Amino acid sequence: MGLDEYEAVRLIDLEGMQQEQAAAQMGVARTTVQAMYNTARRKMAECVVNGRVLRIEGGDVQVCEKRAHCPRRGGCCAHKTCAKQKPEGE
């Protein structure tokens, strides 16, 4: 599973966001989030039903370490917009 698919599942299922909110958070279209979410759910089902290992890797993301500029609750994120909001000199 790619990190983008993981992030879609995390935002929708764990954070309880609607697809539109998750899309805004990730900086992509709602239809893109929907496609990532559906693909991720299929991969997770395959792992659970057939006892396979789920690997999460790759993807176009930036991860920050609890920076004050991050829009996520708790001050930490894993999404494209974080890099755009990073203050000068960091």
PDB file of N, CA and C in Angstrom:
ATOM      1  N   MET A   1       0.859  -1.166   0.000  1.00  0.00           N
ATOM      2  CA  MET A   1       0.000   0.000   0.000  1.00  0.00           C
ATOM      3  C   MET A   1       0.906   1.230   0.000  1.00  0.00           C
ATOM      4  N   GLY A   2       0.567   2.183  -0.825  1.00  0.00           N
ATOM      5  CA  GLY A   2       1.331   3.420  -0.874  1.00  0.00           C
ATOM      6  C   GLY A   2       0.979   4.336   0.284  1.00  0.00           C
ATOM      7  N   LEU A   3       1.879   5.248   0.611  1.00  0.00           N
ATOM      8  CA  LEU A   3       1.620   6.194   1.693  1.00  0.00           C
ATOM      9  C   LEU A   3       0.414   7.076   1.411  1.00  0.00           C
ATOM     10  N   ASP A   4       0.173   7.371   0.150  1.00  0.00           N
ATOM     11  CA  ASP A   4      -0.996   8.179  -0.192  1.00  0.00           C
ATOM     12  C   ASP A   4      -2.288   7.418   0.109  1.00  0.00           C
ATOM     13  N   GLU A   5      -2.301   6.121  -0.180  1.00  0.00           N
ATOM     14  CA  GLU A   5      -3.471   5.294   0.142  1.00  0.00           C
ATOM     15  C   GLU A   5      -3.643   5.187   1.656  1.00  0.00           C
ATOM     16  N   TYR A   6      -2.541   4.993   2.356  1.00  0.00           N
ATOM     17  CA  TYR A   6      -2.558   4.935   3.819  1.00  0.00           C
ATOM     18  C   TYR A   6      -3.152   6.222   4.397  1.00  0.00           C
ATOM     19  N   GLU A   7      -2.702   7.368   3.885  1.00  0.00           N
ATOM     20  CA  GLU A   7      -3.172   8.652   4.384  1.00  0.00           C
ATOM     21  C   GLU A   7      -4.669   8.831   4.125  1.00  0.00           C
ATOM     22  N   ALA A   8      -5.152   8.373   2.986  1.00  0.00           N
ATOM     23  CA  ALA A   8      -6.586   8.455   2.687  1.00  0.00           C
ATOM     24  C   ALA A   8      -7.390   7.645   3.704  1.00  0.00           C
ATOM     25  N   VAL A   9      -6.948   6.431   4.007  1.00  0.00           N
ATOM     26  CA  VAL A   9      -7.632   5.584   4.991  1.00  0.00           C
ATOM     27  C   VAL A   9      -7.549   6.213   6.377  1.00  0.00           C
ATOM     28  N   ARG A  10      -6.389   6.730   6.726  1.00  0.00           N
ATOM     29  CA  ARG A  10      -6.205   7.338   8.049  1.00  0.00           C
ATOM     30  C   ARG A  10      -7.145   8.528   8.237  1.00  0.00           C
ATOM     31  N   LEU A  11      -7.195   9.393   7.242  1.00  0.00           N
ATOM     32  CA  LEU A  11      -8.037  10.581   7.361  1.00  0.00           C
ATOM     33  C   LEU A  11      -9.522  10.236   7.381  1.00  0.00           C
ATOM     34  N   ILE A  12      -9.941   9.313   6.534  1.00  0.00           N
ATOM     35  CA  ILE A  12     -11.367   8.980   6.428  1.00  0.00           C
ATOM     36  C   ILE A  12     -11.819   8.075   7.562  1.00  0.00           C
ATOM     37  N   ASP A  13     -11.110   6.976   7.794  1.00  0.00           N
ATOM     38  CA  ASP A  13     -11.564   6.002   8.791  1.00  0.00           C
ATOM     39  C   ASP A  13     -11.151   6.346  10.220  1.00  0.00           C
ATOM     40  N   LEU A  14      -9.928   6.806  10.421  1.00  0.00           N
ATOM     41  CA  LEU A  14      -9.463   7.086  11.776  1.00  0.00           C
ATOM     42  C   LEU A  14      -9.846   8.490  12.241  1.00  0.00           C
ATOM     43  N   GLU A  15      -9.641   9.487  11.398  1.00  0.00           N
ATOM     44  CA  GLU A  15      -9.949  10.863  11.763  1.00  0.00           C
ATOM     45  C   GLU A  15     -11.419  11.216  11.538  1.00  0.00           C
ATOM     46  N   GLY A  16     -12.144  10.370  10.806  1.00  0.00           N
ATOM     47  CA  GLY A  16     -13.572  10.590  10.597  1.00  0.00           C
ATOM     48  C   GLY A  16     -13.907  11.688   9.607  1.00  0.00           C
ATOM     49  N   MET A  17     -12.982  12.005   8.724  1.00  0.00           N
ATOM     50  CA  MET A  17     -13.227  13.051   7.732  1.00  0.00           C
ATOM     51  C   MET A  17     -14.091  12.540   6.591  1.00  0.00           C
ATOM     52  N   GLN A  18     -14.814  13.456   5.960  1.00  0.00           N
ATOM     53  CA  GLN A  18     -15.501  13.153   4.714  1.00  0.00           C
ATOM     54  C   GLN A  18     -14.442  13.148   3.611  1.00  0.00           C
ATOM     55  N   GLN A  19     -14.766  12.551   2.470  1.00  0.00           N
ATOM     56  CA  GLN A  19     -13.806  12.510   1.373  1.00  0.00           C
ATOM     57  C   GLN A  19     -13.389  13.913   0.932  1.00  0.00           C
ATOM     58  N   GLU A  20     -14.311  14.864   0.949  1.00  0.00           N
ATOM     59  CA  GLU A  20     -13.996  16.230   0.555  1.00  0.00           C
ATOM     60  C   GLU A  20     -12.971  16.855   1.500  1.00  0.00           C
ATOM     61  N   GLN A  21     -13.137  16.597   2.798  1.00  0.00           N
ATOM     62  CA  GLN A  21     -12.205  17.126   3.789  1.00  0.00           C
ATOM     63  C   GLN A  21     -10.826  16.473   3.636  1.00  0.00           C
ATOM     64  N   ALA A  22     -10.814  15.171   3.427  1.00  0.00           N
ATOM     65  CA  ALA A  22      -9.552  14.454   3.244  1.00  0.00           C
ATOM     66  C   ALA A  22      -8.832  14.956   1.996  1.00  0.00           C
ATOM     67  N   ALA A  23      -9.587  15.209   0.943  1.00  0.00           N
ATOM     68  CA  ALA A  23      -8.998  15.721  -0.299  1.00  0.00           C
ATOM     69  C   ALA A  23      -8.348  17.076  -0.062  1.00  0.00           C
ATOM     70  N   ALA A  24      -9.023  17.952   0.665  1.00  0.00           N
ATOM     71  CA  ALA A  24      -8.466  19.268   0.966  1.00  0.00           C
ATOM     72  C   ALA A  24      -7.204  19.133   1.811  1.00  0.00           C
ATOM     73  N   GLN A  25      -7.226  18.262   2.784  1.00  0.00           N
ATOM     74  CA  GLN A  25      -6.072  18.028   3.657  1.00  0.00           C
ATOM     75  C   GLN A  25      -4.874  17.522   2.859  1.00  0.00           C
ATOM     76  N   MET A  26      -5.145  16.656   1.879  1.00  0.00           N
ATOM     77  CA  MET A  26      -4.072  16.053   1.088  1.00  0.00           C
ATOM     78  C   MET A  26      -3.692  16.905  -0.124  1.00  0.00           C
ATOM     79  N   GLY A  27      -4.500  17.883  -0.448  1.00  0.00           N
ATOM     80  CA  GLY A  27      -4.205  18.745  -1.587  1.00  0.00           C
ATOM     81  C   GLY A  27      -4.460  18.096  -2.930  1.00  0.00           C
ATOM     82  N   VAL A  28      -5.490  17.237  -2.977  1.00  0.00           N
ATOM     83  CA  VAL A  28      -5.852  16.551  -4.221  1.00  0.00           C
ATOM     84  C   VAL A  28      -7.364  16.634  -4.421  1.00  0.00           C
ATOM     85  N   ALA A  29      -7.847  16.179  -5.571  1.00  0.00           N
ATOM     86  CA  ALA A  29      -9.281  16.180  -5.857  1.00  0.00           C
ATOM     87  C   ALA A  29      -9.997  15.083  -5.056  1.00  0.00           C
ATOM     88  N   ARG A  30     -11.280  15.301  -4.789  1.00  0.00           N
ATOM     89  CA  ARG A  30     -12.067  14.304  -4.062  1.00  0.00           C
ATOM     90  C   ARG A  30     -12.074  12.971  -4.795  1.00  0.00           C
ATOM     91  N   THR A  31     -12.161  13.007  -6.112  1.00  0.00           N
ATOM     92  CA  THR A  31     -12.174  11.760  -6.883  1.00  0.00           C
ATOM     93  C   THR A  31     -10.855  11.005  -6.740  1.00  0.00           C
ATOM     94  N   THR A  32      -9.757  11.733  -6.569  1.00  0.00           N
ATOM     95  CA  THR A  32      -8.456  11.098  -6.349  1.00  0.00           C
ATOM     96  C   THR A  32      -8.434  10.408  -4.995  1.00  0.00           C
ATOM     97  N   VAL A  33      -8.939  11.081  -3.962  1.00  0.00           N
ATOM     98  CA  VAL A  33      -9.015  10.468  -2.628  1.00  0.00           C
ATOM     99  C   VAL A  33      -9.900   9.238  -2.673  1.00  0.00           C
ATOM    100  N   GLN A  34     -11.021   9.328  -3.362  1.00  0.00           N
ATOM    101  CA  GLN A  34     -11.940   8.194  -3.466  1.00  0.00           C
ATOM    102  C   GLN A  34     -11.245   6.999  -4.114  1.00  0.00           C
ATOM    103  N   ALA A  35     -10.496   7.228  -5.172  1.00  0.00           N
ATOM    104  CA  ALA A  35      -9.781   6.145  -5.852  1.00  0.00           C
ATOM    105  C   ALA A  35      -8.710   5.543  -4.942  1.00  0.00           C
ATOM    106  N   MET A  36      -7.950   6.384  -4.244  1.00  0.00           N
ATOM    107  CA  MET A  36      -6.913   5.897  -3.328  1.00  0.00           C
ATOM    108  C   MET A  36      -7.546   5.088  -2.198  1.00  0.00           C
ATOM    109  N   TYR A  37      -8.634   5.591  -1.656  1.00  0.00           N
ATOM    110  CA  TYR A  37      -9.331   4.938  -0.560  1.00  0.00           C
ATOM    111  C   TYR A  37      -9.853   3.561  -0.985  1.00  0.00           C
ATOM    112  N   ASN A  38     -10.482   3.503  -2.147  1.00  0.00           N
ATOM    113  CA  ASN A  38     -11.013   2.225  -2.635  1.00  0.00           C
ATOM    114  C   ASN A  38      -9.904   1.208  -2.884  1.00  0.00           C
ATOM    115  N   THR A  39      -8.804   1.650  -3.459  1.00  0.00           N
ATOM    116  CA  THR A  39      -7.677   0.758  -3.704  1.00  0.00           C
ATOM    117  C   THR A  39      -7.083   0.264  -2.389  1.00  0.00           C
ATOM    118  N   ALA A  40      -6.941   1.163  -1.444  1.00  0.00           N
ATOM    119  CA  ALA A  40      -6.384   0.794  -0.137  1.00  0.00           C
ATOM    120  C   ALA A  40      -7.280  -0.210   0.579  1.00  0.00           C
ATOM    121  N   ARG A  41      -8.573   0.010   0.549  1.00  0.00           N
ATOM    122  CA  ARG A  41      -9.505  -0.918   1.214  1.00  0.00           C
ATOM    123  C   ARG A  41      -9.435  -2.300   0.595  1.00  0.00           C
ATOM    124  N   ARG A  42      -9.312  -2.362  -0.750  1.00  0.00           N
ATOM    125  CA  ARG A  42      -9.176  -3.659  -1.420  1.00  0.00           C
ATOM    126  C   ARG A  42      -7.902  -4.370  -0.971  1.00  0.00           C
ATOM    127  N   LYS A  43      -6.807  -3.620  -0.882  1.00  0.00           N
ATOM    128  CA  LYS A  43      -5.531  -4.202  -0.454  1.00  0.00           C
ATOM    129  C   LYS A  43      -5.605  -4.698   0.991  1.00  0.00           C
ATOM    130  N   MET A  44      -6.250  -3.912   1.861  1.00  0.00           N
ATOM    131  CA  MET A  44      -6.390  -4.337   3.258  1.00  0.00           C
ATOM    132  C   MET A  44      -7.255  -5.584   3.366  1.00  0.00           C
ATOM    133  N   ALA A  45      -8.331  -5.642   2.602  1.00  0.00           N
ATOM    134  CA  ALA A  45      -9.201  -6.819   2.620  1.00  0.00           C
ATOM    135  C   ALA A  45      -8.442  -8.056   2.144  1.00  0.00           C
ATOM    136  N   GLU A  46      -7.655  -7.900   1.096  1.00  0.00           N
ATOM    137  CA  GLU A  46      -6.837  -9.006   0.586  1.00  0.00           C
ATOM    138  C   GLU A  46      -5.909  -9.536   1.679  1.00  0.00           C
ATOM    139  N   CYS A  47      -5.304  -8.642   2.428  1.00  0.00           N
ATOM    140  CA  CYS A  47      -4.393  -9.044   3.505  1.00  0.00           C
ATOM    141  C   CYS A  47      -5.124  -9.753   4.641  1.00  0.00           C
ATOM    142  N   VAL A  48      -6.251  -9.205   5.042  1.00  0.00           N
ATOM    143  CA  VAL A  48      -7.008  -9.801   6.148  1.00  0.00           C
ATOM    144  C   VAL A  48      -7.587 -11.152   5.753  1.00  0.00           C
ATOM    145  N   VAL A  49      -8.222 -11.223   4.607  1.00  0.00           N
ATOM    146  CA  VAL A  49      -8.890 -12.453   4.173  1.00  0.00           C
ATOM    147  C   VAL A  49      -7.894 -13.561   3.853  1.00  0.00           C
ATOM    148  N   ASN A  50      -6.798 -13.203   3.198  1.00  0.00           N
ATOM    149  CA  ASN A  50      -5.833 -14.222   2.767  1.00  0.00           C
ATOM    150  C   ASN A  50      -4.591 -14.308   3.651  1.00  0.00           C
ATOM    151  N   GLY A  51      -4.571 -13.608   4.760  1.00  0.00           N
ATOM    152  CA  GLY A  51      -3.464 -13.688   5.705  1.00  0.00           C
ATOM    153  C   GLY A  51      -2.141 -13.181   5.166  1.00  0.00           C
ATOM    154  N   ARG A  52      -2.205 -12.170   4.326  1.00  0.00           N
ATOM    155  CA  ARG A  52      -0.978 -11.608   3.756  1.00  0.00           C
ATOM    156  C   ARG A  52      -0.483 -10.428   4.581  1.00  0.00           C
ATOM    157  N   VAL A  53       0.789 -10.113   4.419  1.00  0.00           N
ATOM    158  CA  VAL A  53       1.402  -8.994   5.113  1.00  0.00           C
ATOM    159  C   VAL A  53       1.082  -7.706   4.368  1.00  0.00           C
ATOM    160  N   LEU A  54       0.759  -6.676   5.112  1.00  0.00           N
ATOM    161  CA  LEU A  54       0.492  -5.374   4.519  1.00  0.00           C
ATOM    162  C   LEU A  54       1.722  -4.502   4.701  1.00  0.00           C
ATOM    163  N   ARG A  55       2.329  -4.107   3.597  1.00  0.00           N
ATOM    164  CA  ARG A  55       3.485  -3.205   3.626  1.00  0.00           C
ATOM    165  C   ARG A  55       3.017  -1.830   3.189  1.00  0.00           C
ATOM    166  N   ILE A  56       3.461  -0.821   3.911  1.00  0.00           N
ATOM    167  CA  ILE A  56       3.127   0.560   3.564  1.00  0.00           C
ATOM    168  C   ILE A  56       4.432   1.234   3.185  1.00  0.00           C
ATOM    169  N   GLU A  57       4.480   1.753   1.939  1.00  0.00           N
ATOM    170  CA  GLU A  57       5.722   2.353   1.456  1.00  0.00           C
ATOM    171  C   GLU A  57       5.457   3.281   0.287  1.00  0.00           C
ATOM    172  N   GLY A  58       6.444   4.121  -0.001  1.00  0.00           N
ATOM    173  CA  GLY A  58       6.385   4.998  -1.172  1.00  0.00           C
ATOM    174  C   GLY A  58       5.339   6.074  -1.082  1.00  0.00           C
ATOM    175  N   GLY A  59       5.263   6.872  -2.114  1.00  0.00           N
ATOM    176  CA  GLY A  59       4.273   7.927  -2.165  1.00  0.00           C
ATOM    177  C   GLY A  59       4.903   9.305  -2.129  1.00  0.00           C
ATOM    178  N   ASP A  60       4.130  10.310  -2.490  1.00  0.00           N
ATOM    179  CA  ASP A  60       4.587  11.687  -2.570  1.00  0.00           C
ATOM    180  C   ASP A  60       4.117  12.449  -1.340  1.00  0.00           C
ATOM    181  N   VAL A  61       4.853  12.325  -0.225  1.00  0.00           N
ATOM    182  CA  VAL A  61       4.463  12.994   1.017  1.00  0.00           C
ATOM    183  C   VAL A  61       5.662  13.651   1.669  1.00  0.00           C
ATOM    184  N   GLN A  62       5.384  14.605   2.520  1.00  0.00           N
ATOM    185  CA  GLN A  62       6.378  15.242   3.386  1.00  0.00           C
ATOM    186  C   GLN A  62       5.902  14.989   4.808  1.00  0.00           C
ATOM    187  N   VAL A  63       6.791  14.605   5.690  1.00  0.00           N
ATOM    188  CA  VAL A  63       6.433  14.359   7.077  1.00  0.00           C
ATOM    189  C   VAL A  63       7.116  15.407   7.948  1.00  0.00           C
ATOM    190  N   CYS A  64       6.356  16.029   8.830  1.00  0.00           N
ATOM    191  CA  CYS A  64       6.957  17.009   9.734  1.00  0.00           C
ATOM    192  C   CYS A  64       6.883  16.484  11.162  1.00  0.00           C
ATOM    193  N   GLU A  65       7.730  17.023  11.992  1.00  0.00           N
ATOM    194  CA  GLU A  65       7.806  16.589  13.389  1.00  0.00           C
ATOM    195  C   GLU A  65       7.209  17.642  14.312  1.00  0.00           C
ATOM    196  N   LYS A  66       5.901  17.613  14.473  1.00  0.00           N
ATOM    197  CA  LYS A  66       5.170  18.493  15.402  1.00  0.00           C
ATOM    198  C   LYS A  66       5.592  19.951  15.300  1.00  0.00           C
ATOM    199  N   ARG A  67       5.533  20.495  14.116  1.00  0.00           N
ATOM    200  CA  ARG A  67       5.857  21.904  13.895  1.00  0.00           C
ATOM    201  C   ARG A  67       4.611  22.757  14.104  1.00  0.00           C
ATOM    202  N   ALA A  68       4.799  23.920  14.632  1.00  0.00           N
ATOM    203  CA  ALA A  68       3.673  24.799  14.965  1.00  0.00           C
ATOM    204  C   ALA A  68       2.871  25.206  13.737  1.00  0.00           C
ATOM    205  N   HIS A  69       3.486  25.263  12.547  1.00  0.00           N
ATOM    206  CA  HIS A  69       2.787  25.712  11.341  1.00  0.00           C
ATOM    207  C   HIS A  69       1.862  24.660  10.758  1.00  0.00           C
ATOM    208  N   CYS A  70       1.935  23.439  11.255  1.00  0.00           N
ATOM    209  CA  CYS A  70       1.160  22.342  10.684  1.00  0.00           C
ATOM    210  C   CYS A  70      -0.323  22.501  11.015  1.00  0.00           C
ATOM    211  N   PRO A  71      -1.207  22.363  10.002  1.00  0.00           N
ATOM    212  CA  PRO A  71      -2.641  22.544  10.236  1.00  0.00           C
ATOM    213  C   PRO A  71      -3.312  21.359  10.936  1.00  0.00           C
ATOM    214  N   ARG A  72      -2.616  20.246  11.082  1.00  0.00           N
ATOM    215  CA  ARG A  72      -3.225  19.057  11.690  1.00  0.00           C
ATOM    216  C   ARG A  72      -3.375  19.228  13.195  1.00  0.00           C
ATOM    217  N   ARG A  73      -4.394  18.599  13.752  1.00  0.00           N
ATOM    218  CA  ARG A  73      -4.562  18.578  15.200  1.00  0.00           C
ATOM    219  C   ARG A  73      -3.328  17.949  15.827  1.00  0.00           C
ATOM    220  N   GLY A  74      -2.859  18.478  16.922  1.00  0.00           N
ATOM    221  CA  GLY A  74      -1.694  17.933  17.590  1.00  0.00           C
ATOM    222  C   GLY A  74      -0.382  18.414  16.996  1.00  0.00           C
ATOM    223  N   GLY A  75      -0.431  19.171  15.900  1.00  0.00           N
ATOM    224  CA  GLY A  75       0.769  19.757  15.339  1.00  0.00           C
ATOM    225  C   GLY A  75       1.650  18.819  14.555  1.00  0.00           C
ATOM    226  N   CYS A  76       1.137  17.752  13.999  1.00  0.00           N
ATOM    227  CA  CYS A  76       1.959  16.854  13.193  1.00  0.00           C
ATOM    228  C   CYS A  76       1.174  16.410  11.963  1.00  0.00           C
ATOM    229  N   CYS A  77       1.859  16.235  10.852  1.00  0.00           N
ATOM    230  CA  CYS A  77       1.149  15.875   9.637  1.00  0.00           C
ATOM    231  C   CYS A  77       1.980  14.983   8.738  1.00  0.00           C
ATOM    232  N   ALA A  78       1.354  14.495   7.711  1.00  0.00           N
ATOM    233  CA  ALA A  78       2.021  13.718   6.670  1.00  0.00           C
ATOM    234  C   ALA A  78       1.273  13.982   5.374  1.00  0.00           C
ATOM    235  N   HIS A  79       1.429  15.171   4.844  1.00  0.00           N
ATOM    236  CA  HIS A  79       0.712  15.527   3.626  1.00  0.00           C
ATOM    237  C   HIS A  79       1.479  16.559   2.831  1.00  0.00           C
ATOM    238  N   LYS A  80       1.126  16.767   1.601  1.00  0.00           N
ATOM    239  CA  LYS A  80       1.832  17.652   0.686  1.00  0.00           C
ATOM    240  C   LYS A  80       1.835  19.103   1.137  1.00  0.00           C
ATOM    241  N   THR A  81       0.745  19.592   1.720  1.00  0.00           N
ATOM    242  CA  THR A  81       0.636  21.015   2.025  1.00  0.00           C
ATOM    243  C   THR A  81       1.598  21.448   3.118  1.00  0.00           C
ATOM    244  N   CYS A  82       2.063  20.555   3.941  1.00  0.00           N
ATOM    245  CA  CYS A  82       2.964  20.916   5.035  1.00  0.00           C
ATOM    246  C   CYS A  82       4.245  21.542   4.495  1.00  0.00           C
ATOM    247  N   ALA A  83       4.801  20.977   3.443  1.00  0.00           N
ATOM    248  CA  ALA A  83       6.037  21.511   2.882  1.00  0.00           C
ATOM    249  C   ALA A  83       5.836  22.925   2.361  1.00  0.00           C
ATOM    250  N   LYS A  84       4.651  23.222   1.835  1.00  0.00           N
ATOM    251  CA  LYS A  84       4.370  24.557   1.308  1.00  0.00           C
ATOM    252  C   LYS A  84       4.264  25.589   2.430  1.00  0.00           C
ATOM    253  N   GLN A  85       3.856  25.155   3.624  1.00  0.00           N
ATOM    254  CA  GLN A  85       3.647  26.075   4.716  1.00  0.00           C
ATOM    255  C   GLN A  85       4.881  26.241   5.594  1.00  0.00           C
ATOM    256  N   LYS A  86       5.942  25.511   5.316  1.00  0.00           N
ATOM    257  CA  LYS A  86       7.135  25.556   6.148  1.00  0.00           C
ATOM    258  C   LYS A  86       7.743  26.958   6.119  1.00  0.00           C
ATOM    259  N   PRO A  87       7.973  27.555   7.300  1.00  0.00           N
ATOM    260  CA  PRO A  87       8.553  28.888   7.352  1.00  0.00           C
ATOM    261  C   PRO A  87       9.973  28.910   6.768  1.00  0.00           C
ATOM    262  N   GLU A  88      10.401  30.081   6.319  1.00  0.00           N
ATOM    263  CA  GLU A  88      11.741  30.253   5.761  1.00  0.00           C
ATOM    264  C   GLU A  88      12.789  29.822   6.773  1.00  0.00           C
ATOM    265  N   GLY A  89      13.845  29.190   6.286  1.00  0.00           N
ATOM    266  CA  GLY A  89      14.961  28.820   7.131  1.00  0.00           C
ATOM    267  C   GLY A  89      14.837  27.463   7.798  1.00  0.00           C
ATOM    268  N   GLU A  90      13.740  26.781   7.643  1.00  0.00           N
ATOM    269  CA  GLU A  90      13.601  25.445   8.242  1.00  0.00           C
ATOM    270  C   GLU A  90      13.995  24.392   7.251  1.00  0.00           C
TER     271      GLU A  90
END
